[in-house]
Protein backbone atom coordinates (compact mmCIF):
# COMPACT_ATOMS: atom_id res chain seq x y z
CA MET A 1 22.33 8.19 43.31
CA SER A 2 23.84 10.55 45.89
CA ALA A 3 22.95 10.64 49.56
CA ASP A 4 20.70 13.62 48.97
CA GLY A 5 18.67 11.85 46.25
CA PRO A 6 18.91 11.48 42.49
CA SER A 7 20.90 13.95 40.45
CA PRO A 8 18.91 16.57 38.50
CA VAL A 9 19.62 14.82 35.19
CA THR A 10 18.55 11.42 36.48
CA ALA A 11 15.44 12.90 38.05
CA THR A 12 14.25 14.82 35.03
CA VAL A 13 15.34 12.77 32.00
CA PRO A 14 13.53 9.44 31.51
CA THR A 15 15.80 6.41 31.11
CA GLY A 16 14.14 5.40 27.83
CA TRP A 17 14.77 8.86 26.37
CA ARG A 18 18.46 8.77 27.34
CA SER A 19 18.86 5.38 25.68
CA ARG A 20 17.40 6.67 22.41
CA VAL A 21 19.52 9.82 22.12
CA HIS A 22 22.77 9.28 20.25
CA PRO A 23 24.79 12.48 19.68
CA ARG A 24 26.29 11.32 16.40
CA GLU A 25 22.89 10.35 14.98
CA ALA A 26 21.40 13.62 16.23
CA VAL A 27 24.12 15.65 14.51
CA THR A 28 23.57 13.63 11.31
CA ARG A 29 19.83 14.36 11.42
CA VAL A 30 20.47 18.06 11.80
CA ARG A 31 23.05 18.07 9.00
CA ASP A 32 20.78 16.16 6.63
CA SER A 33 17.90 18.54 7.39
CA SER A 34 19.96 21.75 7.21
CA MET A 35 18.80 22.74 3.72
CA ALA A 36 15.17 21.95 4.53
CA ILE A 37 15.45 24.09 7.67
CA LEU A 38 16.93 26.94 5.64
CA GLN A 39 14.12 26.62 3.10
CA ILE A 40 11.44 26.80 5.80
CA VAL A 41 13.01 29.76 7.57
CA VAL A 42 13.50 31.77 4.39
CA ALA A 43 10.08 30.97 2.93
CA ALA A 44 8.10 31.53 6.12
CA THR A 45 9.90 34.76 6.99
CA GLY A 46 9.71 36.08 3.44
CA ALA A 47 6.01 35.29 3.05
CA TYR A 48 5.18 36.82 6.42
CA ALA A 49 7.20 39.98 5.76
CA PHE A 50 5.70 40.43 2.28
CA ALA A 51 2.13 40.09 3.52
CA LEU A 52 2.80 42.35 6.53
CA TYR A 53 4.89 45.16 5.07
CA VAL A 54 4.01 45.14 1.37
CA LEU A 55 0.32 44.23 1.46
CA GLY A 56 -0.35 45.64 4.90
CA HIS A 57 -2.10 42.56 6.32
CA PRO A 58 -2.32 42.94 10.11
CA THR A 59 -1.59 39.32 11.18
CA PRO A 60 -0.48 37.22 8.20
CA LEU A 61 -0.25 34.01 10.24
CA LEU A 62 -1.26 31.72 7.38
CA ALA A 63 1.41 33.15 5.09
CA ALA A 64 3.95 31.54 7.42
CA THR A 65 2.09 28.37 8.43
CA VAL A 66 1.38 27.36 4.83
CA THR A 67 5.09 27.48 3.96
CA VAL A 68 6.11 25.43 7.00
CA SER A 69 3.45 22.79 6.44
CA SER A 70 4.00 22.47 2.69
CA LEU A 71 7.80 22.26 2.81
CA GLY A 72 8.28 20.16 5.93
CA LEU A 73 11.25 17.91 6.65
CA VAL A 74 10.00 14.90 4.72
CA ARG A 75 12.01 12.81 2.27
CA ASP A 76 9.70 13.61 -0.66
CA ALA A 77 10.30 17.31 -1.37
CA ARG A 78 9.36 17.30 -5.05
CA PRO A 79 7.54 20.44 -6.27
CA ARG A 80 4.39 18.47 -7.08
CA ARG A 81 4.07 17.29 -3.50
CA VAL A 82 4.63 20.82 -2.21
CA LEU A 83 2.00 22.15 -4.60
CA GLU A 84 -0.52 19.46 -3.61
CA THR A 85 -0.06 20.32 0.06
CA VAL A 86 -0.48 24.02 -0.67
CA LEU A 87 -3.68 23.38 -2.61
CA GLY A 88 -5.03 21.27 0.23
CA MET A 89 -4.46 24.07 2.71
CA LEU A 90 -6.02 26.64 0.39
CA VAL A 91 -9.10 24.44 0.11
CA GLY A 92 -9.42 24.45 3.90
CA ILE A 93 -8.98 28.22 4.10
CA LEU A 94 -11.54 28.84 1.36
CA VAL A 95 -14.19 26.58 2.90
CA ALA A 96 -13.75 28.22 6.31
CA GLU A 97 -13.87 31.74 4.90
CA LEU A 98 -17.08 31.01 3.00
CA LEU A 99 -18.68 29.49 6.11
CA LEU A 100 -17.68 32.50 8.18
CA LEU A 101 -19.53 34.77 5.77
CA VAL A 102 -22.64 32.61 5.92
CA ALA A 103 -22.79 31.40 9.52
CA GLY A 104 -20.21 33.35 11.55
CA HIS A 105 -18.14 32.06 14.51
CA GLY A 106 -19.15 29.37 16.99
CA TRP A 107 -18.62 25.82 18.09
CA TRP A 108 -21.12 24.31 15.67
CA GLN A 109 -19.72 26.43 12.85
CA LEU A 110 -16.29 25.00 13.68
CA ALA A 111 -17.64 21.45 13.52
CA LEU A 112 -19.43 22.16 10.25
CA ALA A 113 -16.31 23.74 8.71
CA LEU A 114 -14.16 20.76 9.63
CA GLY A 115 -16.72 18.30 8.31
CA ILE A 116 -17.20 20.08 5.00
CA THR A 117 -13.46 20.61 4.57
CA LEU A 118 -12.65 16.94 5.12
CA VAL A 119 -15.40 15.80 2.76
CA VAL A 120 -14.30 18.20 0.01
CA ALA A 121 -10.62 17.37 0.48
CA ARG A 122 -11.21 13.61 0.37
CA PHE A 123 -13.27 14.10 -2.78
CA LEU A 124 -10.49 16.08 -4.45
CA SER A 125 -7.50 13.93 -3.50
CA PRO A 126 -6.83 10.32 -2.44
CA GLN A 127 -3.97 11.51 -0.21
CA ALA A 128 -4.88 11.57 3.48
CA SER A 129 -2.26 14.28 4.09
CA PHE A 130 -4.15 16.55 1.67
CA ALA A 131 -7.30 16.34 3.79
CA ILE A 132 -5.45 16.81 7.09
CA ALA A 133 -3.62 19.88 5.77
CA ALA A 134 -6.92 21.36 4.64
CA ALA A 135 -8.59 20.63 8.00
CA ILE A 136 -5.80 22.25 10.03
CA GLN A 137 -5.96 25.49 8.04
CA SER A 138 -9.74 25.49 8.21
CA LEU A 139 -9.50 25.14 11.97
CA ILE A 140 -7.09 28.08 12.23
CA VAL A 141 -9.40 30.30 10.18
CA MET A 142 -12.44 29.41 12.29
CA VAL A 143 -10.73 29.83 15.67
CA ILE A 144 -8.60 32.93 15.11
CA PRO A 145 -10.65 36.01 14.14
CA SER A 146 -9.53 38.25 11.31
CA GLY A 147 -10.52 41.45 9.54
CA ALA A 148 -11.52 41.57 5.91
CA PRO A 149 -12.93 38.38 4.36
CA PHE A 150 -10.61 36.22 2.27
CA LEU A 151 -7.57 38.11 3.57
CA ARG A 152 -6.18 34.84 4.92
CA LEU A 153 -6.77 33.15 1.59
CA ILE A 154 -4.42 35.70 0.05
CA ASP A 155 -1.92 35.00 2.84
CA GLY A 156 -2.15 31.29 2.05
CA VAL A 157 -1.48 31.92 -1.64
CA ILE A 158 1.55 34.04 -0.73
CA GLY A 159 2.85 31.25 1.50
CA GLY A 160 2.36 28.68 -1.24
CA ILE A 161 4.21 30.81 -3.79
CA ALA A 162 7.06 31.31 -1.33
CA ALA A 163 7.30 27.55 -0.73
CA LEU A 164 7.51 26.81 -4.45
CA LEU A 165 10.07 29.57 -5.01
CA VAL A 166 12.48 28.31 -2.36
CA THR A 167 12.06 24.76 -3.68
CA ALA A 168 13.56 25.96 -6.97
CA LEU A 169 15.91 28.73 -5.80
CA ILE A 170 17.22 27.18 -2.56
CA PRO A 171 16.98 23.51 -3.53
CA ARG A 172 17.71 20.63 -1.25
CA ASN A 173 20.66 18.52 -2.36
CA PRO A 174 19.00 15.97 -4.67
CA MET A 175 21.98 13.60 -4.52
CA ARG A 176 22.53 13.31 -0.78
CA ALA A 177 19.33 11.48 0.14
CA GLY A 178 19.56 9.22 -2.89
CA LEU A 179 23.15 8.21 -2.17
CA ARG A 180 22.37 7.60 1.49
CA ASP A 181 19.46 5.33 0.58
CA ALA A 182 21.49 3.56 -2.11
CA HIS A 183 24.45 2.79 0.16
CA ARG A 184 22.09 1.54 2.84
CA LEU A 185 20.42 -0.76 0.32
CA PHE A 186 23.74 -2.13 -0.94
CA ALA A 187 24.91 -2.73 2.64
CA GLU A 188 21.78 -4.76 3.41
CA LEU A 189 22.08 -6.54 0.06
CA GLU A 190 25.63 -7.53 0.96
CA GLY A 191 24.42 -8.86 4.30
CA ALA A 192 21.70 -10.95 2.69
CA ALA A 193 24.01 -12.41 0.04
CA ALA A 194 26.77 -13.06 2.59
CA ALA A 195 24.36 -15.07 4.75
CA LEU A 196 23.39 -17.15 1.72
CA VAL A 197 27.08 -17.69 0.88
CA GLN A 198 27.76 -18.91 4.41
CA GLY A 199 24.72 -21.17 4.32
CA LEU A 200 25.85 -22.76 1.06
CA ARG A 201 29.47 -23.09 2.18
CA ARG A 202 28.52 -24.82 5.43
CA GLY A 203 25.36 -26.60 4.30
CA ASP A 204 23.55 -24.61 7.01
CA ARG A 205 19.82 -24.33 6.31
CA LEU A 206 19.23 -21.89 9.17
CA ARG A 207 21.91 -19.56 7.83
CA ALA A 208 20.42 -19.78 4.34
CA GLU A 209 16.95 -19.03 5.73
CA ARG A 210 18.39 -15.97 7.45
CA GLY A 211 19.81 -14.79 4.13
CA LEU A 212 16.43 -15.30 2.45
CA GLU A 213 14.69 -13.32 5.20
CA LYS A 214 17.14 -10.46 4.70
CA ALA A 215 16.62 -10.54 0.94
CA ARG A 216 12.86 -10.36 1.40
CA ALA A 217 13.28 -7.32 3.64
CA LEU A 218 15.10 -5.29 0.97
CA GLN A 219 12.07 -4.03 -0.95
CA PRO A 220 11.26 -1.11 1.40
CA LEU A 221 14.85 0.10 0.97
CA VAL A 222 14.44 -0.07 -2.82
CA ASP A 223 11.25 1.99 -2.49
CA ASP A 224 13.02 4.57 -0.32
CA TRP A 225 15.75 4.92 -2.92
CA ARG A 226 13.19 5.31 -5.70
CA SER A 227 11.33 7.99 -3.74
CA SER A 228 14.53 9.96 -3.12
CA LEU A 229 15.55 9.78 -6.78
CA GLU A 230 12.09 10.83 -8.00
CA SER A 231 12.11 13.77 -5.62
CA GLY A 232 15.64 14.78 -6.61
CA LEU A 233 14.88 14.55 -10.32
CA ALA A 234 11.73 16.67 -9.95
CA ILE A 235 13.69 19.36 -8.10
CA ALA A 236 16.55 19.27 -10.62
CA ARG A 237 14.09 19.84 -13.46
CA ILE A 238 12.87 23.17 -12.09
CA SER A 239 15.95 24.48 -10.32
CA PRO A 240 18.39 26.46 -12.48
CA PHE A 241 21.19 25.46 -10.12
CA LEU A 242 20.77 21.67 -10.35
CA ARG A 243 20.30 20.91 -14.02
CA ARG A 244 23.80 19.43 -14.28
CA GLN A 245 22.91 16.90 -11.61
CA ARG A 246 19.87 15.74 -13.54
CA PHE A 247 21.90 13.37 -15.72
CA GLU A 248 23.63 11.85 -12.70
CA ILE A 249 20.28 11.28 -10.99
CA GLU A 250 18.97 9.62 -14.16
CA ARG A 251 22.04 7.35 -14.17
CA HIS A 252 21.33 6.37 -10.58
CA GLU A 253 17.73 5.63 -11.47
CA ARG A 254 18.84 3.25 -14.21
CA ILE A 255 21.08 1.51 -11.68
CA ARG A 256 18.22 1.33 -9.20
CA GLN A 257 15.95 -0.35 -11.72
CA SER A 258 18.58 -2.99 -12.41
CA ILE A 259 19.26 -3.54 -8.71
CA ASP A 260 15.53 -3.92 -8.07
CA LEU A 261 15.45 -6.78 -10.58
CA ALA A 262 18.67 -8.23 -9.14
CA ILE A 263 17.14 -8.34 -5.65
CA ARG A 264 14.12 -10.20 -6.98
CA ASN A 265 16.47 -12.78 -8.51
CA LEU A 266 18.44 -12.97 -5.25
CA ARG A 267 15.25 -14.03 -3.51
CA VAL A 268 14.84 -16.82 -6.04
CA ILE A 269 18.41 -17.94 -5.32
CA GLY A 270 17.68 -17.75 -1.61
CA ARG A 271 14.65 -20.02 -1.86
CA ARG A 272 16.62 -22.62 -3.83
CA ALA A 273 19.54 -22.39 -1.41
CA VAL A 274 17.26 -23.01 1.58
CA TYR A 275 15.76 -26.05 -0.13
CA LEU A 276 19.15 -27.53 -1.07
CA CYS A 277 20.75 -26.88 2.33
CA ASP A 278 18.14 -29.10 3.92
CA ASP A 279 20.50 -32.07 3.35
CA GLY A 280 23.32 -30.38 5.28
CA ALA A 281 25.86 -30.84 2.49
CA PRO A 282 28.26 -27.94 1.80
CA ARG A 283 28.21 -26.43 -1.69
CA PRO A 284 31.51 -24.55 -2.05
CA VAL A 285 31.22 -24.00 -5.82
CA ALA A 286 27.87 -22.24 -5.59
CA ALA A 287 29.12 -20.29 -2.56
CA ASP A 288 32.23 -19.12 -4.45
CA VAL A 289 30.22 -18.01 -7.48
CA LEU A 290 27.75 -16.05 -5.35
CA SER A 291 30.64 -14.52 -3.41
CA ASP A 292 32.24 -13.33 -6.67
CA ILE A 293 28.92 -11.84 -7.76
CA LEU A 294 28.72 -10.07 -4.41
CA ARG A 295 32.11 -8.44 -5.02
CA GLY A 296 30.84 -7.12 -8.34
CA ALA A 297 27.78 -5.65 -6.60
CA ALA A 298 30.09 -3.87 -4.14
CA GLU A 299 31.92 -2.27 -7.09
CA ILE A 300 28.57 -1.00 -8.41
CA ASP A 301 27.93 0.57 -5.04
CA GLY A 302 31.22 2.44 -5.32
CA SER A 303 30.39 3.59 -8.86
CA LEU A 304 27.44 5.57 -7.53
CA ASP A 305 29.92 8.05 -6.03
CA ASP A 306 32.53 7.68 -8.76
CA ILE A 307 31.43 6.68 -12.26
CA SER A 308 35.02 5.75 -13.13
CA LEU A 309 34.58 2.61 -10.99
CA ALA A 310 31.85 1.27 -13.28
CA PRO A 311 34.30 -0.45 -15.69
CA ALA A 312 35.90 -2.31 -12.77
CA ALA A 313 32.47 -3.55 -11.67
CA ARG A 314 31.69 -4.62 -15.21
CA SER A 315 34.98 -6.51 -15.57
CA ALA A 316 34.45 -8.35 -12.29
CA LEU A 317 30.94 -9.42 -13.28
CA LEU A 318 31.96 -10.36 -16.82
CA ALA A 319 34.56 -12.71 -15.36
CA VAL A 320 31.83 -14.43 -13.35
CA ALA A 321 29.38 -14.46 -16.26
CA ALA A 322 31.88 -16.16 -18.60
CA ARG A 323 32.05 -19.27 -16.42
CA LEU A 324 28.40 -19.49 -15.41
CA ASP A 325 27.69 -22.75 -17.20
CA PRO A 326 26.17 -25.13 -14.64
CA ALA A 327 27.10 -28.22 -16.63
CA GLU A 328 30.77 -27.24 -16.73
CA LEU A 329 31.02 -26.02 -13.15
CA LEU A 330 29.20 -29.03 -11.70
CA PRO A 331 29.25 -31.77 -14.36
CA SER A 332 28.29 -34.58 -11.98
CA ALA A 333 26.00 -32.63 -9.65
CA THR A 334 22.28 -33.10 -9.17
CA LEU A 335 19.76 -31.14 -11.21
CA GLY A 336 18.92 -29.08 -8.12
CA ASP A 337 22.52 -27.93 -7.72
CA GLN A 338 22.78 -27.03 -11.38
CA ASN A 339 19.49 -25.13 -11.20
CA LEU A 340 20.89 -23.10 -8.32
CA LEU A 341 23.79 -21.98 -10.50
CA ALA A 342 21.39 -21.35 -13.38
CA ALA A 343 19.38 -19.04 -11.11
CA MET A 344 22.48 -16.91 -10.64
CA ARG A 345 22.66 -16.13 -14.36
CA PRO A 346 19.78 -13.58 -14.37
CA LEU A 347 21.31 -12.00 -11.27
CA VAL A 348 24.59 -11.41 -13.10
CA VAL A 349 22.75 -10.05 -16.15
CA ASP A 350 20.86 -7.54 -13.99
CA LEU A 351 24.06 -6.42 -12.28
CA LEU A 352 25.81 -6.04 -15.64
CA THR A 353 23.03 -3.73 -16.85
CA ALA A 354 23.58 -1.74 -13.65
CA THR A 355 27.13 -1.06 -14.85
CA GLY A 356 25.80 0.52 -18.03
CA MET A 357 25.72 -2.47 -20.38
CA SER A 358 22.71 -2.98 -22.60
CA SER A 359 20.40 -5.89 -21.80
CA GLU A 360 21.38 -7.61 -25.05
CA ASP A 361 25.12 -7.40 -24.35
CA ALA A 362 24.64 -8.51 -20.75
CA ARG A 363 22.69 -11.59 -21.81
CA ALA A 364 25.26 -12.38 -24.49
CA ALA A 365 28.01 -12.36 -21.83
CA VAL A 366 26.51 -15.47 -20.21
CA PRO A 367 27.22 -18.83 -21.92
CA ARG A 368 24.30 -20.42 -23.72
CA ILE A 369 22.90 -23.54 -22.06
């Protein structure tokens, strides 16, 4: 602080806000949203201009607001979601227009329009966003006066058509969000498995518990990846510019399904590791095997960007699978230690299927016990 008081920046920008703003993250957000921003600008401007200059509507506000609300900046940009949002808004516009014809403007008419709109929208769709979108458009119709009846309904239809057109003709990159979510999942998976490896190597129960906690926290990341892939595949199916990427997205979805199963098996391994580490004894053999499996998972992560890396991932995992016989690795160990190694067998099988192997071949790669 200077002698004359706080600087303008310090005086006007809250400390908490400054601590949350990171330039690199901000630039990343803008870059990741660039195509969505372009879609919104093009669709809203095009719908507004068409309604104003071609159809002669005096104030085609809803032509623009429907496109902005239906496209948005959300992760799930699949055409079905856009269409559902558009239909929700059209329901709100229609209810308000009908009420205006019957009861006119006023505060109680506004309350009645909102109530009816929300009831109808909740009846039509289980999605809360559907009802909220309908209510907002109903509110706009009731508050802002217009000329001819149902003119704004036409504007809403124009906005919805524009939103669907840009979804197909100016598509968002269906691979970028999926890859970002996948790499984030694999990074957290590596962290969970590494904590379990350290717990087993040191006989550290607390470290093993930390690994289990991390493994249990992976499911939301799996769900994010699934949502991104479903959205990307839906866009690729309708966009003439993205049909070549459809097969790559389908390959990623097959990998995701296998990784989802692998994570479930990792949680099983984590629970057994926590139980065994209660005695404080190190288990270097189990730690080494899990570490080798982890390296194979890292190769799968790389194969998402470059399919030519898939054979290397498969070879690494096959080498682990070939020696996963608990009786041979730990001939004189307790049943609990052998069961821990046995629990790693399904994990390897799931990861092998992620490399493109069939389930039958992946199971055959593991010694019979």
